[in-house]
Amino acid sequence: MRGPTVRSLTLSGLLNPPEPLVRYASRRPLHRILAFTGRSIDDVVNDPIARNAVRGYYKLYRQVERAREVRELERQWNPLS
């Protein structure tokens, strides 16, 4: 019995793996905030109102992330409470 041949190792089998069943959204916070506000990075650089709005949402994002991390650590340290 012969082993696999070059012909059996097609490009579609090697280079294009099947699509995963779950896709994860891995966008950076700034990109997510810009998409939410409908602004571009040029708007943020040139418009002080847009800059302040994006800065406010970014600060809110950091507060929420920090609170989530603290809750997660507290659950690890105190699993019964």
PDB file of N, CA and C in Angstrom:
ATOM      1  N   MET A   1       0.851  -1.180   0.000  1.00  0.00           N
ATOM      2  CA  MET A   1       0.000   0.000   0.000  1.00  0.00           C
ATOM      3  C   MET A   1       0.891   1.235   0.000  1.00  0.00           C
ATOM      4  N   ARG A   2       0.563   2.177  -0.817  1.00  0.00           N
ATOM      5  CA  ARG A   2       1.356   3.389  -0.956  1.00  0.00           C
ATOM      6  C   ARG A   2       0.852   4.454   0.010  1.00  0.00           C
ATOM      7  N   GLY A   3       1.729   5.372   0.388  1.00  0.00           N
ATOM      8  CA  GLY A   3       1.366   6.486   1.259  1.00  0.00           C
ATOM      9  C   GLY A   3       0.639   7.565   0.470  1.00  0.00           C
ATOM     10  N   PRO A   4       0.366   8.674   1.094  1.00  0.00           N
ATOM     11  CA  PRO A   4      -0.338   9.753   0.403  1.00  0.00           C
ATOM     12  C   PRO A   4       0.514  10.322  -0.720  1.00  0.00           C
ATOM     13  N   THR A   5      -0.123  10.634  -1.791  1.00  0.00           N
ATOM     14  CA  THR A   5       0.594  11.203  -2.931  1.00  0.00           C
ATOM     15  C   THR A   5       0.408  12.711  -2.939  1.00  0.00           C
ATOM     16  N   VAL A   6       1.179  13.348  -3.773  1.00  0.00           N
ATOM     17  CA  VAL A   6       1.076  14.792  -3.902  1.00  0.00           C
ATOM     18  C   VAL A   6      -0.311  15.171  -4.404  1.00  0.00           C
ATOM     19  N   ARG A   7      -0.859  14.365  -5.269  1.00  0.00           N
ATOM     20  CA  ARG A   7      -2.170  14.648  -5.815  1.00  0.00           C
ATOM     21  C   ARG A   7      -3.244  14.591  -4.731  1.00  0.00           C
ATOM     22  N   SER A   8      -3.100  13.699  -3.743  1.00  0.00           N
ATOM     23  CA  SER A   8      -4.123  13.591  -2.697  1.00  0.00           C
ATOM     24  C   SER A   8      -4.055  14.763  -1.714  1.00  0.00           C
ATOM     25  N   LEU A   9      -2.928  15.442  -1.659  1.00  0.00           N
ATOM     26  CA  LEU A   9      -2.783  16.608  -0.785  1.00  0.00           C
ATOM     27  C   LEU A   9      -3.120  17.856  -1.583  1.00  0.00           C
ATOM     28  N   THR A  10      -4.375  18.069  -1.828  1.00  0.00           N
ATOM     29  CA  THR A  10      -4.801  19.193  -2.662  1.00  0.00           C
ATOM     30  C   THR A  10      -4.631  20.508  -1.936  1.00  0.00           C
ATOM     31  N   LEU A  11      -4.606  21.560  -2.704  1.00  0.00           N
ATOM     32  CA  LEU A  11      -4.490  22.889  -2.118  1.00  0.00           C
ATOM     33  C   LEU A  11      -5.682  23.216  -1.248  1.00  0.00           C
ATOM     34  N   SER A  12      -6.852  22.769  -1.663  1.00  0.00           N
ATOM     35  CA  SER A  12      -8.026  23.084  -0.859  1.00  0.00           C
ATOM     36  C   SER A  12      -7.981  22.373   0.481  1.00  0.00           C
ATOM     37  N   GLY A  13      -7.329  21.249   0.554  1.00  0.00           N
ATOM     38  CA  GLY A  13      -7.217  20.532   1.822  1.00  0.00           C
ATOM     39  C   GLY A  13      -6.149  21.105   2.727  1.00  0.00           C
ATOM     40  N   LEU A  14      -5.101  21.662   2.155  1.00  0.00           N
ATOM     41  CA  LEU A  14      -4.006  22.171   2.973  1.00  0.00           C
ATOM     42  C   LEU A  14      -4.132  23.659   3.293  1.00  0.00           C
ATOM     43  N   LEU A  15      -4.474  24.460   2.321  1.00  0.00           N
ATOM     44  CA  LEU A  15      -4.431  25.901   2.512  1.00  0.00           C
ATOM     45  C   LEU A  15      -5.737  26.490   3.007  1.00  0.00           C
ATOM     46  N   ASN A  16      -6.844  25.849   2.753  1.00  0.00           N
ATOM     47  CA  ASN A  16      -8.134  26.394   3.147  1.00  0.00           C
ATOM     48  C   ASN A  16      -8.826  25.455   4.133  1.00  0.00           C
ATOM     49  N   PRO A  17      -8.522  25.592   5.423  1.00  0.00           N
ATOM     50  CA  PRO A  17      -9.209  24.724   6.391  1.00  0.00           C
ATOM     51  C   PRO A  17     -10.682  25.098   6.448  1.00  0.00           C
ATOM     52  N   PRO A  18     -11.507  24.193   6.921  1.00  0.00           N
ATOM     53  CA  PRO A  18     -12.936  24.503   6.994  1.00  0.00           C
ATOM     54  C   PRO A  18     -13.197  25.685   7.921  1.00  0.00           C
ATOM     55  N   GLU A  19     -14.256  26.414   7.633  1.00  0.00           N
ATOM     56  CA  GLU A  19     -14.624  27.576   8.447  1.00  0.00           C
ATOM     57  C   GLU A  19     -14.976  27.124   9.864  1.00  0.00           C
ATOM     58  N   PRO A  20     -14.511  27.840  10.873  1.00  0.00           N
ATOM     59  CA  PRO A  20     -14.869  27.455  12.246  1.00  0.00           C
ATOM     60  C   PRO A  20     -16.353  27.700  12.498  1.00  0.00           C
ATOM     61  N   LEU A  21     -16.898  26.915  13.400  1.00  0.00           N
ATOM     62  CA  LEU A  21     -18.310  27.054  13.727  1.00  0.00           C
ATOM     63  C   LEU A  21     -18.570  28.305  14.547  1.00  0.00           C
ATOM     64  N   VAL A  22     -17.583  28.734  15.311  1.00  0.00           N
ATOM     65  CA  VAL A  22     -17.727  29.917  16.158  1.00  0.00           C
ATOM     66  C   VAL A  22     -16.714  30.948  15.708  1.00  0.00           C
ATOM     67  N   ARG A  23     -17.173  32.167  15.539  1.00  0.00           N
ATOM     68  CA  ARG A  23     -16.260  33.264  15.217  1.00  0.00           C
ATOM     69  C   ARG A  23     -16.222  34.212  16.388  1.00  0.00           C
ATOM     70  N   TYR A  24     -15.044  34.653  16.729  1.00  0.00           N
ATOM     71  CA  TYR A  24     -14.878  35.571  17.845  1.00  0.00           C
ATOM     72  C   TYR A  24     -14.623  36.973  17.313  1.00  0.00           C
ATOM     73  N   ALA A  25     -15.257  37.935  17.924  1.00  0.00           N
ATOM     74  CA  ALA A  25     -15.044  39.328  17.546  1.00  0.00           C
ATOM     75  C   ALA A  25     -13.818  39.824  18.304  1.00  0.00           C
ATOM     76  N   SER A  26     -12.753  40.012  17.608  1.00  0.00           N
ATOM     77  CA  SER A  26     -11.520  40.459  18.253  1.00  0.00           C
ATOM     78  C   SER A  26     -11.126  41.819  17.698  1.00  0.00           C
ATOM     79  N   ARG A  27     -11.920  42.793  18.016  1.00  0.00           N
ATOM     80  CA  ARG A  27     -11.624  44.143  17.557  1.00  0.00           C
ATOM     81  C   ARG A  27     -11.105  44.941  18.732  1.00  0.00           C
ATOM     82  N   ARG A  28     -10.229  45.838  18.456  1.00  0.00           N
ATOM     83  CA  ARG A  28      -9.665  46.670  19.508  1.00  0.00           C
ATOM     84  C   ARG A  28     -10.721  47.637  20.024  1.00  0.00           C
ATOM     85  N   PRO A  29     -10.572  48.046  21.279  1.00  0.00           N
ATOM     86  CA  PRO A  29     -11.581  48.936  21.875  1.00  0.00           C
ATOM     87  C   PRO A  29     -11.788  50.218  21.085  1.00  0.00           C
ATOM     88  N   LEU A  30     -10.721  50.828  20.600  1.00  0.00           N
ATOM     89  CA  LEU A  30     -10.879  52.075  19.851  1.00  0.00           C
ATOM     90  C   LEU A  30     -11.682  51.845  18.572  1.00  0.00           C
ATOM     91  N   HIS A  31     -11.417  50.751  17.878  1.00  0.00           N
ATOM     92  CA  HIS A  31     -12.167  50.452  16.662  1.00  0.00           C
ATOM     93  C   HIS A  31     -13.640  50.222  16.975  1.00  0.00           C
ATOM     94  N   ARG A  32     -13.919  49.549  18.075  1.00  0.00           N
ATOM     95  CA  ARG A  32     -15.312  49.305  18.453  1.00  0.00           C
ATOM     96  C   ARG A  32     -16.008  50.609  18.809  1.00  0.00           C
ATOM     97  N   ILE A  33     -15.308  51.500  19.504  1.00  0.00           N
ATOM     98  CA  ILE A  33     -15.904  52.786  19.891  1.00  0.00           C
ATOM     99  C   ILE A  33     -16.140  53.649  18.653  1.00  0.00           C
ATOM    100  N   LEU A  34     -15.186  53.662  17.737  1.00  0.00           N
ATOM    101  CA  LEU A  34     -15.365  54.441  16.507  1.00  0.00           C
ATOM    102  C   LEU A  34     -16.550  53.906  15.702  1.00  0.00           C
ATOM    103  N   ALA A  35     -16.699  52.587  15.638  1.00  0.00           N
ATOM    104  CA  ALA A  35     -17.833  52.012  14.915  1.00  0.00           C
ATOM    105  C   ALA A  35     -19.146  52.360  15.612  1.00  0.00           C
ATOM    106  N   PHE A  36     -19.151  52.349  16.943  1.00  0.00           N
ATOM    107  CA  PHE A  36     -20.371  52.657  17.698  1.00  0.00           C
ATOM    108  C   PHE A  36     -20.785  54.110  17.502  1.00  0.00           C
ATOM    109  N   THR A  37     -19.811  55.012  17.525  1.00  0.00           N
ATOM    110  CA  THR A  37     -20.128  56.432  17.395  1.00  0.00           C
ATOM    111  C   THR A  37     -20.286  56.867  15.943  1.00  0.00           C
ATOM    112  N   GLY A  38     -19.863  56.033  15.007  1.00  0.00           N
ATOM    113  CA  GLY A  38     -19.956  56.400  13.594  1.00  0.00           C
ATOM    114  C   GLY A  38     -18.919  57.422  13.185  1.00  0.00           C
ATOM    115  N   ARG A  39     -17.821  57.481  13.896  1.00  0.00           N
ATOM    116  CA  ARG A  39     -16.745  58.442  13.602  1.00  0.00           C
ATOM    117  C   ARG A  39     -15.559  57.719  12.985  1.00  0.00           C
ATOM    118  N   SER A  40     -14.724  58.464  12.314  1.00  0.00           N
ATOM    119  CA  SER A  40     -13.476  57.914  11.801  1.00  0.00           C
ATOM    120  C   SER A  40     -12.333  58.503  12.627  1.00  0.00           C
ATOM    121  N   ILE A  41     -11.166  57.947  12.454  1.00  0.00           N
ATOM    122  CA  ILE A  41     -10.010  58.463  13.186  1.00  0.00           C
ATOM    123  C   ILE A  41      -9.705  59.894  12.751  1.00  0.00           C
ATOM    124  N   ASP A  42     -10.007  60.236  11.513  1.00  0.00           N
ATOM    125  CA  ASP A  42      -9.806  61.607  11.037  1.00  0.00           C
ATOM    126  C   ASP A  42     -10.737  62.573  11.765  1.00  0.00           C
ATOM    127  N   ASP A  43     -11.979  62.127  12.015  1.00  0.00           N
ATOM    128  CA  ASP A  43     -12.906  62.966  12.772  1.00  0.00           C
ATOM    129  C   ASP A  43     -12.366  63.238  14.169  1.00  0.00           C
ATOM    130  N   VAL A  44     -11.805  62.214  14.781  1.00  0.00           N
ATOM    131  CA  VAL A  44     -11.293  62.356  16.148  1.00  0.00           C
ATOM    132  C   VAL A  44     -10.112  63.308  16.186  1.00  0.00           C
ATOM    133  N   VAL A  45      -9.259  63.236  15.179  1.00  0.00           N
ATOM    134  CA  VAL A  45      -8.077  64.099  15.149  1.00  0.00           C
ATOM    135  C   VAL A  45      -8.460  65.548  14.873  1.00  0.00           C
ATOM    136  N   ASN A  46      -9.416  65.767  13.980  1.00  0.00           N
ATOM    137  CA  ASN A  46      -9.718  67.121  13.530  1.00  0.00           C
ATOM    138  C   ASN A  46     -10.855  67.812  14.281  1.00  0.00           C
ATOM    139  N   ASP A  47     -11.713  67.080  14.944  1.00  0.00           N
ATOM    140  CA  ASP A  47     -12.896  67.664  15.576  1.00  0.00           C
ATOM    141  C   ASP A  47     -12.823  67.473  17.096  1.00  0.00           C
ATOM    142  N   PRO A  48     -12.719  68.568  17.860  1.00  0.00           N
ATOM    143  CA  PRO A  48     -12.607  68.423  19.311  1.00  0.00           C
ATOM    144  C   PRO A  48     -13.874  67.824  19.940  1.00  0.00           C
ATOM    145  N   ILE A  49     -15.033  68.038  19.361  1.00  0.00           N
ATOM    146  CA  ILE A  49     -16.257  67.456  19.917  1.00  0.00           C
ATOM    147  C   ILE A  49     -16.232  65.934  19.750  1.00  0.00           C
ATOM    148  N   ALA A  50     -15.840  65.476  18.572  1.00  0.00           N
ATOM    149  CA  ALA A  50     -15.725  64.034  18.331  1.00  0.00           C
ATOM    150  C   ALA A  50     -14.652  63.433  19.227  1.00  0.00           C
ATOM    151  N   ARG A  51     -13.546  64.157  19.403  1.00  0.00           N
ATOM    152  CA  ARG A  51     -12.460  63.679  20.259  1.00  0.00           C
ATOM    153  C   ARG A  51     -12.948  63.485  21.691  1.00  0.00           C
ATOM    154  N   ASN A  52     -13.690  64.465  22.208  1.00  0.00           N
ATOM    155  CA  ASN A  52     -14.186  64.351  23.576  1.00  0.00           C
ATOM    156  C   ASN A  52     -15.209  63.231  23.714  1.00  0.00           C
ATOM    157  N   ALA A  53     -16.046  63.039  22.703  1.00  0.00           N
ATOM    158  CA  ALA A  53     -17.032  61.962  22.757  1.00  0.00           C
ATOM    159  C   ALA A  53     -16.344  60.599  22.776  1.00  0.00           C
ATOM    160  N   VAL A  54     -15.374  60.414  21.901  1.00  0.00           N
ATOM    161  CA  VAL A  54     -14.657  59.139  21.851  1.00  0.00           C
ATOM    162  C   VAL A  54     -13.856  58.931  23.125  1.00  0.00           C
ATOM    163  N   ARG A  55     -13.254  59.979  23.646  1.00  0.00           N
ATOM    164  CA  ARG A  55     -12.507  59.873  24.902  1.00  0.00           C
ATOM    165  C   ARG A  55     -13.429  59.453  26.041  1.00  0.00           C
ATOM    166  N   GLY A  56     -14.632  60.022  26.087  1.00  0.00           N
ATOM    167  CA  GLY A  56     -15.591  59.655  27.132  1.00  0.00           C
ATOM    168  C   GLY A  56     -16.008  58.201  27.043  1.00  0.00           C
ATOM    169  N   TYR A  57     -16.290  57.723  25.835  1.00  0.00           N
ATOM    170  CA  TYR A  57     -16.655  56.316  25.672  1.00  0.00           C
ATOM    171  C   TYR A  57     -15.488  55.403  26.014  1.00  0.00           C
ATOM    172  N   TYR A  58     -14.259  55.833  25.698  1.00  0.00           N
ATOM    173  CA  TYR A  58     -13.102  55.011  26.025  1.00  0.00           C
ATOM    174  C   TYR A  58     -12.905  54.918  27.533  1.00  0.00           C
ATOM    175  N   LYS A  59     -13.089  56.021  28.227  1.00  0.00           N
ATOM    176  CA  LYS A  59     -12.973  55.991  29.688  1.00  0.00           C
ATOM    177  C   LYS A  59     -14.046  55.096  30.300  1.00  0.00           C
ATOM    178  N   LEU A  60     -15.261  55.174  29.751  1.00  0.00           N
ATOM    179  CA  LEU A  60     -16.331  54.299  30.218  1.00  0.00           C
ATOM    180  C   LEU A  60     -15.973  52.843  29.964  1.00  0.00           C
ATOM    181  N   TYR A  61     -15.428  52.544  28.808  1.00  0.00           N
ATOM    182  CA  TYR A  61     -15.003  51.184  28.485  1.00  0.00           C
ATOM    183  C   TYR A  61     -13.975  50.688  29.499  1.00  0.00           C
ATOM    184  N   ARG A  62     -12.981  51.518  29.827  1.00  0.00           N
ATOM    185  CA  ARG A  62     -11.952  51.108  30.786  1.00  0.00           C
ATOM    186  C   ARG A  62     -12.545  50.843  32.157  1.00  0.00           C
ATOM    187  N   GLN A  63     -13.491  51.674  32.603  1.00  0.00           N
ATOM    188  CA  GLN A  63     -14.134  51.466  33.903  1.00  0.00           C
ATOM    189  C   GLN A  63     -14.901  50.156  33.933  1.00  0.00           C
ATOM    190  N   VAL A  64     -15.640  49.879  32.870  1.00  0.00           N
ATOM    191  CA  VAL A  64     -16.418  48.641  32.817  1.00  0.00           C
ATOM    192  C   VAL A  64     -15.496  47.431  32.789  1.00  0.00           C
ATOM    193  N   GLU A  65     -14.428  47.486  31.997  1.00  0.00           N
ATOM    194  CA  GLU A  65     -13.482  46.373  31.934  1.00  0.00           C
ATOM    195  C   GLU A  65     -12.812  46.140  33.283  1.00  0.00           C
ATOM    196  N   ARG A  66     -12.434  47.214  33.957  1.00  0.00           N
ATOM    197  CA  ARG A  66     -11.787  47.079  35.261  1.00  0.00           C
ATOM    198  C   ARG A  66     -12.751  46.478  36.281  1.00  0.00           C
ATOM    199  N   ALA A  67     -14.003  46.903  36.270  1.00  0.00           N
ATOM    200  CA  ALA A  67     -14.991  46.341  37.196  1.00  0.00           C
ATOM    201  C   ALA A  67     -15.218  44.859  36.901  1.00  0.00           C
ATOM    202  N   ARG A  68     -15.237  44.495  35.617  1.00  0.00           N
ATOM    203  CA  ARG A  68     -15.403  43.092  35.251  1.00  0.00           C
ATOM    204  C   ARG A  68     -14.229  42.256  35.742  1.00  0.00           C
ATOM    205  N   GLU A  69     -13.004  42.778  35.595  1.00  0.00           N
ATOM    206  CA  GLU A  69     -11.822  42.059  36.061  1.00  0.00           C
ATOM    207  C   GLU A  69     -11.840  41.892  37.573  1.00  0.00           C
ATOM    208  N   VAL A  70     -12.249  42.938  38.299  1.00  0.00           N
ATOM    209  CA  VAL A  70     -12.304  42.858  39.757  1.00  0.00           C
ATOM    210  C   VAL A  70     -13.321  41.811  40.191  1.00  0.00           C
ATOM    211  N   ARG A  71     -14.509  41.806  39.561  1.00  0.00           N
ATOM    212  CA  ARG A  71     -15.524  40.805  39.903  1.00  0.00           C
ATOM    213  C   ARG A  71     -15.023  39.394  39.618  1.00  0.00           C
ATOM    214  N   GLU A  72     -14.323  39.221  38.507  1.00  0.00           N
ATOM    215  CA  GLU A  72     -13.796  37.914  38.155  1.00  0.00           C
ATOM    216  C   GLU A  72     -12.757  37.452  39.172  1.00  0.00           C
ATOM    217  N   LEU A  73     -11.873  38.355  39.576  1.00  0.00           N
ATOM    218  CA  LEU A  73     -10.871  37.997  40.587  1.00  0.00           C
ATOM    219  C   LEU A  73     -11.516  37.702  41.929  1.00  0.00           C
ATOM    220  N   GLU A  74     -12.535  38.472  42.307  1.00  0.00           N
ATOM    221  CA  GLU A  74     -13.215  38.215  43.570  1.00  0.00           C
ATOM    222  C   GLU A  74     -13.900  36.858  43.555  1.00  0.00           C
ATOM    223  N   ARG A  75     -14.475  36.473  42.410  1.00  0.00           N
ATOM    224  CA  ARG A  75     -15.086  35.148  42.306  1.00  0.00           C
ATOM    225  C   ARG A  75     -14.047  34.047  42.440  1.00  0.00           C
ATOM    226  N   GLN A  76     -12.836  34.280  41.917  1.00  0.00           N
ATOM    227  CA  GLN A  76     -11.784  33.279  42.049  1.00  0.00           C
ATOM    228  C   GLN A  76     -11.312  33.166  43.495  1.00  0.00           C
ATOM    229  N   TRP A  77     -11.205  34.299  44.191  1.00  0.00           N
ATOM    230  CA  TRP A  77     -10.708  34.293  45.555  1.00  0.00           C
ATOM    231  C   TRP A  77     -11.763  33.825  46.545  1.00  0.00           C
ATOM    232  N   ASN A  78     -13.013  34.157  46.313  1.00  0.00           N
ATOM    233  CA  ASN A  78     -14.116  33.822  47.207  1.00  0.00           C
ATOM    234  C   ASN A  78     -15.189  33.069  46.442  1.00  0.00           C
ATOM    235  N   PRO A  79     -14.998  31.785  46.186  1.00  0.00           N
ATOM    236  CA  PRO A  79     -15.966  31.094  45.349  1.00  0.00           C
ATOM    237  C   PRO A  79     -17.327  30.898  46.008  1.00  0.00           C
ATOM    238  N   LEU A  80     -17.433  30.970  47.312  1.00  0.00           N
ATOM    239  CA  LEU A  80     -18.699  30.730  47.988  1.00  0.00           C
ATOM    240  C   LEU A  80     -19.544  31.970  48.114  1.00  0.00           C
ATOM    241  N   SER A  81     -18.974  33.147  48.029  1.00  0.00           N
ATOM    242  CA  SER A  81     -19.773  34.354  48.217  1.00  0.00           C
ATOM    243  C   SER A  81     -20.200  34.967  46.932  1.00  0.00           C
TER     244      SER A  81
END
